[in-house]
Structures are given as structure tokens and as C-alpha cells.
Amino acid sequence: MGKKRPSGKKRGPTRAAALLAAGLVTSGLAAGCGTASGMTINVYYSPEDHFQTVVDNCNKAAAGRYRIVYNKLQRGSDDQRIQMARRLAAGDTSMDVLGLDVTWVSEFAEAGWVDEWTGQHKAAASEGVLKGPLETATYQGKLFAAPKNTNVQLLWYDDRITPTPPKTWDEMMRMSQQLKSERKPHSVVFTGAQYEGLVVIYNTLVESLGGHILSDDGKSVVMDQGAVQALELLKKITSSGITDPSLTNQKEDDVRQTFQRGDAAFELNWPFVYASYGEEKPKDLPHFKWAVYPQAKEGIPSKSTIGGFDLAVSSFSQHKPEAYEAALCLRSKENQKVSAINDGVPPTIESVYHDDTPLDPAKPVSADNPNMAEKYPMRDAILAALKTAAVRPLTPVYQNLSTVMSKILSPPSAIDPQTTAQKMREQLDDALQSKGVIP
């Protein structure tokens, strides 16, 4: 999930006309161009329960010079992307700040829909940001967005079943087999359905084994030995009788529920599972533990694939100075802490992880006024994982590649490493030749 925009962008009528002809441009969300008290800065962002609180904070800071309006996008990731693409293809000037999944930045930058961040704006958007999240906002060496929040998968386990977590995939598989022989919960659960979640698992294994799917510039297919070894490992774990029977249908929340029911010993998932576990099984929460992602190769830190959202400024915005200011406020240190504590989205700015002041610094820490330590007990593990994290291939046609990879990788138990690798080389090469946005 990264963002960028090349010098040879294609913003002209060809793409817009094609999408319009296909009937893709819709009226979209209602958005005003201004208010009696001043201009309106329209922010298009995914549903986040307390994001309006962040917006309110920034409106207070703006002191009436402009008003930020939160236009909540659909919940589905594909729906969000398509809606924004349709409107931008039509040159919609009512959109100012765009919340982009980290896999969309390159695509929107290549299309010429988002502006490059330069000068003081770039410096402010980059200050204190962890390397991985900053990389997601970069395309062809240029910054096209401000990292708002990131995400990284951890290993989750129950210390009543496994007091000590495995450090490697091989150790995890051995422990799982032993637990199975003892008729205890033993499964290793992760996102195995044919969708982006399976691609994330594969990309993590490839990167952790020192491999590459694409070249560093994203222009050619590599699929080197590390990529083949990742196929071998994915095949091994899914054909050893230690994954859940529903593996090929499981997405993030399915994985969470399987573990919470007590039907698994190890869960590879995002940090949202901690809050969910606490809400649904509060008495058992002290036993719900976490560790950094297991190593694919012993002695070499894993490289868990990161997620998250970045904030970009639309190339068609009529209020760019204010849009940059608003975007920087929405992902400031203070507001990243608000989002982390209230909505569980990990910050991109490293110093926030060490900030132990509560939401209201004038009052003591309490259940109603928590700090990062209380809401993010796993913050050290998240930070450690982020410092060695991997990003997905940075290319404008990532959506094409993801579709191809998820199809070829499914079901994982049917993988034939060499044959699958060759098939992936051929089909990814074809996908790279695709031009423009896939509606």
C-alpha cells in the first residue's frame, strides 16, 4: 500500500473519457464547496468510529478559516477505491483530501490524481515517521501522501495452551503437531481465502526469506529463489493437517473468531483482535498473548507486510494550501494517538508509541482517560515488527497483481512450488502490461 505519482502522469481526457463512456462516473457522496463561515475541505476516508473526533480537533485548530467535512466512504475496500477513481477520472473538484489504502498510492499517483508533497509539506509529513509506512507513501522516489496510520500482523496465542510462543514457522508447526497429538487446540490459523489476505501472507514469507516478487522499481517480475521457498513453506504448512478445515474460506474476522472459540493454538492476524477479544472474552484476556511474527528462516527477523492508510491531496482540489494543512493535522502526533487509543489503528510516527500521557493530559490515567500503555499493551511488539516490516510491491497495477496472485495461490495446499512459480512469473508479467485503473 504505497503512494506516488510519476512525472509522465496520464491525467488527460483519455482515461476519464473511457471511464465515463463505461458509465462509471456517479454522483458519489454529497459534498459542499463552501459554507457561510468559510471554505469546506472535503475529506474522503474509510469508516473509522472516532475519526470525526479527529476532524473536530482539526476544525477547532483551523479557527474558522475552513471547515473539514468527513465524507465517509463505503466499508468495502474495493468499493472505496472504485468510487474515488470514478470521481477523480471525471476531474471532480469537490474532493480535497483522500484517504488511500497503502496499496493505492502508486496507482493514484501514476494516474495524476494526487499531488506530490514537496518542501515544508514533505518535511512535516515525513518527520518521525517509521521507514515502512513512509515507503508506502512514496512512488518513484517522490512523496505523494502523508502516512496516517499503519498496521502489522503479530502472532497471537493463549499462554494456557502454549506458555512460550514459537520463534520460527518450523517451531510453530512442530508445536502444533505436538498439541494435536495431545488432543488440544492446535491449529495455525491465518487468512487463506482467495483474496488480498492470502497475498499478504505470501508476501510476508517472500520478504522474510529474502526474496522478491517484483524488481525494486516495480517494472519487472523477479520471482526468485526466496519467492519459490515461500511457496514451499506455504505448501508445507497447509498440507500438514494443522490448519483449520475452513482455511480457504477464512478472512481476518473468521480467523479471529476461530481462535476465540478455542479452535486454534496460533493466530496470525492484525492487532484489532486484541480489543475484540477483550470485549467478548474479558475474563480470558490476561491469557491472550502476542509475539512478533515467526521467522521464516531461523535467526533472521521476519518481515511482516504492513497495511494502513495514507492521506493524499487531490490534484483537482481548489483549496490545496488548506488541504495540505488539514491532512497534516488529521495525522499529527496528537491525533494519531487519538486514533490509536480510540480505534486501534497503529501510529506511523514512532514517538507516539512511547507517549504515556492520557488522552486528556490534565486528568489522571483511567478507564475513561486511557493512554497508549493501557490500550496498546502490545505496542513494543508492534514497533519491533514495524522496524523490520515489508511493503507490498509498489506498482500502479498492484490490484491486477493481487488478483492474479490470490488466484494462483488458492488453495495453498495445491501449490507445486516450481510449477506455481513459473505460472506466477508468466501471469504477473501479463498483469504488469496492463495500463490504467481497473474499475
Protein backbone atom coordinates (compact mmCIF):
# COMPACT_ATOMS: atom_id res chain seq x y z
CA MET A 1 0.00 0.00 0.00
CA GLY A 2 2.04 2.89 -1.15
CA LYS A 3 1.62 6.21 -2.91
CA LYS A 4 3.34 8.00 -5.76
CA ARG A 5 2.94 9.79 -8.96
CA PRO A 6 5.32 9.76 -11.91
CA SER A 7 6.33 12.73 -13.98
CA GLY A 8 4.72 11.13 -17.02
CA LYS A 9 1.29 11.03 -15.45
CA LYS A 10 -1.81 10.39 -17.51
CA ARG A 11 -4.34 12.84 -16.24
CA GLY A 12 -5.85 13.83 -19.56
CA PRO A 13 -9.20 13.10 -21.13
CA THR A 14 -8.33 9.63 -22.43
CA ARG A 15 -8.74 7.81 -19.12
CA ALA A 16 -11.60 9.98 -17.94
CA ALA A 17 -13.44 9.57 -21.23
CA ALA A 18 -13.02 5.81 -21.13
CA LEU A 19 -14.42 5.55 -17.65
CA LEU A 20 -17.23 7.98 -18.42
CA ALA A 21 -18.14 6.02 -21.53
CA ALA A 22 -18.34 2.90 -19.43
CA GLY A 23 -20.85 4.62 -17.20
CA LEU A 24 -18.51 4.63 -14.23
CA VAL A 25 -18.89 8.20 -13.06
CA THR A 26 -21.58 8.63 -10.48
CA SER A 27 -22.78 11.47 -8.37
CA GLY A 28 -20.92 9.95 -5.42
CA LEU A 29 -21.18 11.33 -1.92
CA ALA A 30 -22.73 14.70 -1.23
CA ALA A 31 -20.03 17.33 -0.81
CA GLY A 32 -20.28 21.05 -0.40
CA CYS A 33 -17.95 23.61 -1.93
CA GLY A 34 -18.11 26.01 0.96
CA THR A 35 -20.02 27.27 3.97
CA ALA A 36 -21.18 30.62 5.26
CA SER A 37 -18.26 30.66 7.67
CA GLY A 38 -15.63 29.87 5.05
CA MET A 39 -14.44 27.19 2.68
CA THR A 40 -15.05 23.48 3.07
CA ILE A 41 -12.25 20.91 2.89
CA ASN A 42 -13.79 17.60 1.91
CA VAL A 43 -12.03 14.54 3.27
CA TYR A 44 -12.90 11.16 1.79
CA TYR A 45 -11.91 8.41 4.18
CA SER A 46 -12.90 4.90 5.16
CA PRO A 47 -15.24 4.25 8.11
CA GLU A 48 -13.38 4.77 11.39
CA ASP A 49 -15.52 5.03 14.51
CA HIS A 50 -13.80 8.02 16.10
CA PHE A 51 -12.36 9.78 13.06
CA GLN A 52 -14.97 12.52 13.47
CA THR A 53 -13.32 13.33 16.82
CA VAL A 54 -10.05 13.90 14.94
CA VAL A 55 -11.88 16.06 12.39
CA ASP A 56 -13.41 18.09 15.21
CA ASN A 57 -9.96 18.62 16.72
CA CYS A 58 -8.65 19.93 13.42
CA ASN A 59 -11.66 22.16 12.84
CA LYS A 60 -11.01 23.71 16.23
CA ALA A 61 -7.38 24.27 15.24
CA ALA A 62 -8.48 25.86 11.95
CA ALA A 63 -10.34 28.52 13.95
CA GLY A 64 -12.95 29.18 11.28
CA ARG A 65 -10.57 29.62 8.33
CA TYR A 66 -12.07 26.49 6.81
CA ARG A 67 -14.22 23.58 7.86
CA ILE A 68 -13.24 19.95 7.33
CA VAL A 69 -16.10 17.65 6.36
CA TYR A 70 -15.68 13.89 6.80
CA ASN A 71 -17.22 12.10 3.83
CA LYS A 72 -17.37 8.51 4.99
CA LEU A 73 -16.68 6.00 2.24
CA GLN A 74 -18.21 2.54 1.98
CA ARG A 75 -16.86 -0.15 4.25
CA GLY A 76 -15.57 -2.37 1.46
CA SER A 77 -12.04 -1.57 0.32
CA ASP A 78 -12.75 -2.20 -3.36
CA ASP A 79 -15.84 -0.01 -3.20
CA GLN A 80 -13.85 2.82 -1.66
CA ARG A 81 -11.20 2.68 -4.34
CA ILE A 82 -13.64 2.48 -7.23
CA GLN A 83 -15.76 5.36 -6.01
CA MET A 84 -12.78 7.69 -5.69
CA ALA A 85 -11.34 6.53 -9.02
CA ARG A 86 -14.58 7.23 -10.83
CA ARG A 87 -14.89 10.74 -9.47
CA LEU A 88 -11.24 11.62 -9.99
CA ALA A 89 -11.36 10.30 -13.54
CA ALA A 90 -14.09 12.86 -14.15
CA GLY A 91 -11.94 15.65 -12.67
CA ASP A 92 -14.17 16.13 -9.62
CA THR A 93 -13.04 19.35 -7.91
CA SER A 94 -15.07 18.81 -4.74
CA MET A 95 -12.58 16.24 -3.38
CA ASP A 96 -9.68 17.67 -1.36
CA VAL A 97 -8.07 15.08 0.93
CA LEU A 98 -8.16 11.38 0.02
CA GLY A 99 -7.70 8.51 2.42
CA LEU A 100 -5.82 5.91 0.39
CA ASP A 101 -5.12 2.33 1.34
CA VAL A 102 -1.37 1.93 1.12
CA THR A 103 -1.72 -0.27 -1.97
CA TRP A 104 -3.42 2.53 -3.94
CA VAL A 105 -0.87 5.33 -3.73
CA SER A 106 1.20 4.28 -6.73
CA GLU A 107 -1.93 3.82 -8.82
CA PHE A 108 -3.41 7.22 -7.97
CA ALA A 109 -0.03 8.92 -8.41
CA GLU A 110 0.52 7.33 -11.82
CA ALA A 111 -2.94 8.47 -12.90
CA GLY A 112 -2.09 12.05 -11.92
CA TRP A 113 -4.90 12.22 -9.38
CA VAL A 114 -2.82 13.15 -6.33
CA ASP A 115 -0.17 15.83 -5.93
CA GLU A 116 3.42 15.33 -4.89
CA TRP A 117 4.34 16.54 -1.41
CA THR A 118 7.33 18.89 -1.52
CA GLY A 119 9.17 21.43 0.61
CA GLN A 120 7.79 22.12 4.07
CA HIS A 121 4.77 19.91 3.48
CA LYS A 122 7.02 16.94 2.70
CA ALA A 123 9.23 17.64 5.72
CA ALA A 124 6.22 17.83 8.03
CA ALA A 125 4.65 14.66 6.59
CA SER A 126 7.92 12.73 6.97
CA GLU A 127 9.11 13.88 10.38
CA GLY A 128 9.46 11.00 12.82
CA VAL A 129 7.66 8.55 10.53
CA LEU A 130 8.80 4.94 10.53
CA LYS A 131 10.58 3.78 7.38
CA GLY A 132 7.99 1.22 6.24
CA PRO A 133 4.93 3.48 6.46
CA LEU A 134 6.85 6.27 4.73
CA GLU A 135 7.77 3.91 1.92
CA THR A 136 4.09 3.15 1.30
CA ALA A 137 3.51 6.85 0.58
CA THR A 138 6.36 7.05 -1.91
CA TYR A 139 6.38 6.35 -5.62
CA GLN A 140 9.37 6.67 -7.96
CA GLY A 141 11.31 8.42 -5.23
CA LYS A 142 8.68 11.10 -4.60
CA LEU A 143 6.28 11.51 -1.70
CA PHE A 144 2.61 11.53 -2.68
CA ALA A 145 0.88 11.27 0.68
CA ALA A 146 1.26 11.68 4.43
CA PRO A 147 1.20 8.37 6.34
CA LYS A 148 -1.79 8.43 8.71
CA ASN A 149 -1.81 5.00 10.30
CA THR A 150 -0.10 1.72 9.70
CA ASN A 151 -0.74 -1.91 10.62
CA VAL A 152 1.27 -5.07 11.04
CA GLN A 153 0.41 -8.66 11.84
CA LEU A 154 1.55 -10.40 15.00
CA LEU A 155 1.45 -13.95 16.33
CA TRP A 156 -1.34 -14.40 18.90
CA TYR A 157 -1.59 -17.31 21.33
CA ASP A 158 -3.11 -18.46 24.64
CA ASP A 159 -0.47 -18.91 27.33
CA ARG A 160 -2.57 -21.65 28.97
CA ILE A 161 -2.01 -23.76 25.86
CA THR A 162 1.43 -22.56 24.79
CA PRO A 163 3.24 -20.73 27.61
CA THR A 164 6.09 -19.83 25.27
CA PRO A 165 5.40 -18.74 21.68
CA PRO A 166 7.30 -20.27 18.77
CA LYS A 167 10.06 -18.18 17.24
CA THR A 168 10.00 -19.76 13.78
CA TRP A 169 7.47 -21.27 11.38
CA ASP A 170 9.14 -24.67 11.74
CA GLU A 171 8.90 -24.49 15.53
CA MET A 172 5.26 -23.40 15.26
CA MET A 173 4.48 -26.40 13.06
CA ARG A 174 6.24 -28.78 15.48
CA MET A 175 4.36 -27.34 18.44
CA SER A 176 1.10 -27.61 16.53
CA GLN A 177 1.71 -31.28 15.74
CA GLN A 178 2.55 -31.99 19.39
CA LEU A 179 -0.62 -30.26 20.60
CA LYS A 180 -2.61 -32.23 18.03
CA SER A 181 -1.20 -35.50 19.35
CA GLU A 182 -2.28 -34.40 22.85
CA ARG A 183 -5.80 -33.66 21.57
CA LYS A 184 -5.50 -30.00 22.47
CA PRO A 185 -6.33 -26.94 20.36
CA HIS A 186 -3.55 -27.00 17.81
CA SER A 187 -4.45 -25.29 14.53
CA VAL A 188 -2.45 -22.49 12.94
CA VAL A 189 -4.99 -20.01 11.58
CA PHE A 190 -4.42 -17.23 9.05
CA THR A 191 -6.16 -15.63 6.08
CA GLY A 192 -6.30 -18.41 3.49
CA ALA A 193 -9.26 -17.30 1.38
CA GLN A 194 -8.71 -16.28 -2.24
CA TYR A 195 -8.25 -12.55 -1.67
CA GLU A 196 -5.70 -9.96 -0.57
CA GLY A 197 -5.22 -11.57 2.85
CA LEU A 198 -3.62 -14.63 1.25
CA VAL A 199 -1.34 -12.38 -0.81
CA VAL A 200 -0.26 -10.61 2.41
CA ILE A 201 0.77 -13.93 3.96
CA TYR A 202 2.70 -14.90 0.85
CA ASN A 203 4.40 -11.51 0.53
CA THR A 204 5.47 -11.73 4.18
CA LEU A 205 7.06 -15.13 3.62
CA VAL A 206 8.79 -13.99 0.43
CA GLU A 207 10.27 -10.92 2.11
CA SER A 208 11.20 -12.86 5.24
CA LEU A 209 13.14 -15.32 3.08
CA GLY A 210 14.99 -12.51 1.31
CA GLY A 211 13.05 -12.97 -1.91
CA HIS A 212 11.41 -10.65 -4.42
CA ILE A 213 8.20 -10.89 -6.39
CA LEU A 214 8.96 -7.79 -8.49
CA SER A 215 12.09 -5.77 -9.10
CA ASP A 216 12.69 -2.83 -6.76
CA ASP A 217 11.37 -0.39 -9.35
CA GLY A 218 8.21 -2.46 -9.75
CA LYS A 219 8.64 -2.75 -13.51
CA SER A 220 9.55 -6.40 -13.96
CA VAL A 221 8.76 -9.80 -12.45
CA VAL A 222 11.54 -11.48 -10.46
CA MET A 223 10.06 -14.46 -8.55
CA ASP A 224 13.50 -15.50 -7.33
CA GLN A 225 14.56 -18.38 -5.08
CA GLY A 226 13.16 -16.69 -1.98
CA ALA A 227 9.78 -16.45 -3.68
CA VAL A 228 9.93 -20.16 -4.52
CA GLN A 229 10.93 -21.05 -0.95
CA ALA A 230 7.93 -19.09 0.28
CA LEU A 231 5.70 -21.25 -1.91
CA GLU A 232 7.34 -24.33 -0.42
CA LEU A 233 6.67 -23.15 3.12
CA LEU A 234 3.07 -22.18 2.37
CA LYS A 235 2.51 -25.61 0.79
CA LYS A 236 4.13 -27.36 3.77
CA ILE A 237 2.01 -25.76 6.46
CA THR A 238 -1.28 -26.09 4.59
CA SER A 239 -0.79 -29.75 3.72
CA SER A 240 0.37 -30.94 7.16
CA GLY A 241 -3.03 -31.31 8.79
CA ILE A 242 -2.50 -28.42 11.21
CA THR A 243 -4.52 -25.63 9.58
CA ASP A 244 -8.22 -25.06 10.09
CA PRO A 245 -10.58 -27.04 7.82
CA SER A 246 -12.11 -23.72 6.73
CA LEU A 247 -8.74 -22.19 5.79
CA THR A 248 -9.68 -21.46 2.18
CA ASN A 249 -12.76 -19.50 3.28
CA GLN A 250 -11.20 -17.56 6.12
CA LYS A 251 -10.63 -13.82 6.16
CA GLU A 252 -9.45 -11.67 9.08
CA ASP A 253 -12.57 -11.84 11.23
CA ASP A 254 -13.12 -15.53 10.50
CA VAL A 255 -9.60 -16.19 11.76
CA ARG A 256 -10.28 -14.10 14.88
CA GLN A 257 -13.48 -15.98 15.67
CA THR A 258 -11.88 -19.38 15.15
CA PHE A 259 -9.19 -18.58 17.69
CA GLN A 260 -11.62 -17.03 20.17
CA ARG A 261 -13.78 -20.17 20.06
CA GLY A 262 -10.77 -22.12 21.24
CA ASP A 263 -10.34 -23.95 17.94
CA ALA A 264 -6.73 -22.90 17.32
CA ALA A 265 -3.40 -22.54 19.10
CA PHE A 266 -1.77 -19.91 16.91
CA GLU A 267 -3.31 -16.93 15.13
CA LEU A 268 -1.57 -14.70 12.59
CA ASN A 269 -3.59 -11.51 12.46
CA TRP A 270 -3.74 -7.75 12.88
CA PRO A 271 -3.88 -6.04 16.31
CA PHE A 272 -7.63 -5.39 16.09
CA VAL A 273 -8.08 -8.88 17.55
CA TYR A 274 -6.95 -7.73 20.99
CA ALA A 275 -9.80 -5.27 21.51
CA SER A 276 -12.31 -7.76 20.11
CA TYR A 277 -11.06 -10.46 22.46
CA GLY A 278 -11.32 -8.08 25.40
CA GLU A 279 -14.90 -7.19 24.56
CA GLU A 280 -16.09 -10.74 24.00
CA LYS A 281 -13.96 -12.71 26.49
CA PRO A 282 -12.84 -10.20 29.13
CA LYS A 283 -12.16 -12.83 31.79
CA ASP A 284 -9.75 -14.66 29.49
CA LEU A 285 -7.98 -11.54 28.22
CA PRO A 286 -4.99 -11.91 30.62
CA HIS A 287 -4.15 -15.16 28.84
CA PHE A 288 -4.37 -13.72 25.32
CA LYS A 289 -0.75 -13.05 24.41
CA TRP A 290 1.22 -11.84 21.44
CA ALA A 291 4.68 -12.03 19.89
CA VAL A 292 6.37 -10.76 16.76
CA TYR A 293 5.65 -12.69 13.58
CA PRO A 294 7.52 -16.04 13.49
CA GLN A 295 10.73 -16.18 11.46
CA ALA A 296 10.62 -17.98 8.12
CA LYS A 297 14.37 -18.53 8.37
CA GLU A 298 15.83 -19.08 11.82
CA GLY A 299 17.95 -16.21 13.05
CA ILE A 300 16.60 -13.69 10.53
CA PRO A 301 13.86 -11.33 11.73
CA SER A 302 10.54 -11.76 9.98
CA LYS A 303 9.28 -9.06 7.66
CA SER A 304 5.57 -8.81 8.27
CA THR A 305 3.69 -7.00 5.49
CA ILE A 306 2.25 -3.70 6.63
CA GLY A 307 -1.14 -2.20 5.98
CA GLY A 308 -2.66 1.17 6.79
CA PHE A 309 -3.86 4.40 5.23
CA ASP A 310 -2.17 7.48 3.85
CA LEU A 311 -3.65 10.92 3.22
CA ALA A 312 -3.20 12.45 -0.23
CA VAL A 313 -4.21 15.81 -1.68
CA SER A 314 -6.32 15.60 -4.83
CA SER A 315 -4.78 17.15 -7.94
CA PHE A 316 -8.19 18.67 -8.65
CA SER A 317 -8.68 20.32 -5.25
CA GLN A 318 -9.43 24.02 -5.45
CA HIS A 319 -8.12 24.60 -1.91
CA LYS A 320 -4.71 22.94 -1.91
CA PRO A 321 -2.94 25.04 0.75
CA GLU A 322 -5.76 24.33 3.19
CA ALA A 323 -5.98 20.70 2.08
CA TYR A 324 -2.32 20.12 2.93
CA GLU A 325 -2.79 21.82 6.28
CA ALA A 326 -5.87 19.75 7.06
CA ALA A 327 -4.18 16.49 6.06
CA LEU A 328 -1.19 17.23 8.28
CA CYS A 329 -3.48 17.96 11.21
CA LEU A 330 -5.53 14.78 10.72
CA ARG A 331 -2.37 12.67 11.04
CA SER A 332 -0.47 14.77 13.59
CA LYS A 333 1.16 13.06 16.58
CA GLU A 334 -1.68 14.11 18.83
CA ASN A 335 -4.38 12.86 16.50
CA GLN A 336 -2.56 9.64 15.68
CA LYS A 337 -2.65 8.91 19.41
CA VAL A 338 -6.38 9.65 19.49
CA SER A 339 -6.96 7.23 16.60
CA ALA A 340 -4.70 4.58 18.10
CA ILE A 341 -6.38 4.63 21.50
CA ASN A 342 -9.95 5.00 20.28
CA ASP A 343 -9.89 2.96 17.07
CA GLY A 344 -6.91 0.66 17.49
CA VAL A 345 -5.04 1.81 14.38
CA PRO A 346 -1.26 1.75 14.93
CA PRO A 347 0.55 5.10 14.53
CA THR A 348 3.09 5.79 11.80
CA ILE A 349 5.06 8.23 13.98
CA GLU A 350 7.47 6.34 16.25
CA SER A 351 7.34 8.75 19.21
CA VAL A 352 3.62 8.09 19.69
CA TYR A 353 4.43 4.55 20.83
CA HIS A 354 6.42 5.98 23.74
CA ASP A 355 3.84 8.59 24.72
CA ASP A 356 2.31 7.60 28.06
CA THR A 357 0.24 10.73 28.61
CA PRO A 358 -3.52 10.03 28.59
CA LEU A 359 -5.92 11.44 26.03
CA ASP A 360 -6.65 14.32 28.38
CA PRO A 361 -3.26 15.18 29.90
CA ALA A 362 -4.92 17.36 32.54
CA LYS A 363 -6.53 14.30 34.13
CA PRO A 364 -5.02 11.08 35.51
CA VAL A 365 -4.98 7.84 33.54
CA SER A 366 -8.21 5.92 33.96
CA ALA A 367 -10.56 3.66 32.06
CA ASP A 368 -12.25 6.77 30.69
CA ASN A 369 -8.96 8.55 30.03
CA PRO A 370 -6.59 5.84 28.77
CA ASN A 371 -3.07 6.09 27.43
CA MET A 372 -1.10 4.01 24.94
CA ALA A 373 0.20 1.63 27.61
CA GLU A 374 -3.33 0.66 28.62
CA LYS A 375 -4.85 0.38 25.14
CA TYR A 376 -1.72 -0.89 23.40
CA PRO A 377 0.00 -3.37 25.73
CA MET A 378 1.46 -4.98 22.59
CA ARG A 379 2.95 -1.68 21.38
CA ASP A 380 6.57 -2.83 21.79
CA ALA A 381 5.93 -5.88 19.63
CA ILE A 382 4.16 -3.77 17.01
CA LEU A 383 7.00 -1.27 16.95
CA ALA A 384 9.61 -4.03 16.68
CA ALA A 385 7.67 -5.60 13.82
CA LEU A 386 7.33 -2.28 12.03
CA LYS A 387 11.07 -1.71 12.13
CA THR A 388 11.69 -4.83 10.04
CA ALA A 389 8.41 -4.74 8.10
CA ALA A 390 7.85 -5.32 4.41
CA VAL A 391 5.64 -3.42 1.99
CA ARG A 392 3.73 -4.88 -0.90
CA PRO A 393 5.11 -4.34 -4.41
CA LEU A 394 4.89 -0.63 -5.24
CA THR A 395 3.32 -0.52 -8.67
CA PRO A 396 0.33 1.30 -10.23
CA VAL A 397 -1.12 -2.05 -11.25
CA TYR A 398 -0.93 -3.68 -7.83
CA GLN A 399 -4.64 -4.52 -7.93
CA ASN A 400 -4.00 -6.57 -11.08
CA LEU A 401 -1.10 -8.38 -9.43
CA SER A 402 -3.04 -9.10 -6.26
CA THR A 403 -5.92 -10.61 -8.22
CA VAL A 404 -3.51 -12.84 -10.14
CA MET A 405 -1.56 -13.95 -7.08
CA SER A 406 -4.59 -14.73 -4.93
CA LYS A 407 -6.00 -16.91 -7.69
CA ILE A 408 -2.75 -18.80 -8.31
CA LEU A 409 -2.07 -19.31 -4.59
CA SER A 410 -5.52 -20.73 -3.88
CA PRO A 411 -5.81 -23.29 -2.48
CA PRO A 412 -2.34 -23.18 -0.87
CA SER A 413 -2.29 -26.94 -0.32
CA ALA A 414 -2.36 -27.45 -4.12
CA ILE A 415 0.81 -25.42 -4.69
CA ASP A 416 3.57 -27.12 -6.67
CA PRO A 417 6.46 -24.73 -5.91
CA GLN A 418 8.33 -24.77 -9.24
CA THR A 419 5.25 -25.03 -11.44
CA THR A 420 3.35 -22.43 -9.43
CA ALA A 421 6.33 -20.07 -9.53
CA GLN A 422 6.57 -20.31 -13.30
CA LYS A 423 2.84 -19.77 -13.70
CA MET A 424 3.09 -16.73 -11.46
CA ARG A 425 6.01 -15.31 -13.46
CA GLU A 426 4.05 -15.57 -16.68
CA GLN A 427 0.75 -14.21 -15.39
CA LEU A 428 2.31 -11.42 -13.32
CA ASP A 429 4.25 -10.33 -16.38
CA ASP A 430 0.98 -10.09 -18.31
CA ALA A 431 -0.59 -8.15 -15.41
CA LEU A 432 2.26 -5.66 -15.41
CA GLN A 433 1.47 -4.77 -19.00
CA SER A 434 -2.00 -3.59 -18.03
CA LYS A 435 -2.41 0.15 -18.20
CA GLY A 436 -4.58 2.37 -16.05
CA VAL A 437 -7.16 1.75 -13.39
CA ILE A 438 -9.21 -1.41 -13.23
CA PRO A 439 -12.80 -0.37 -12.41
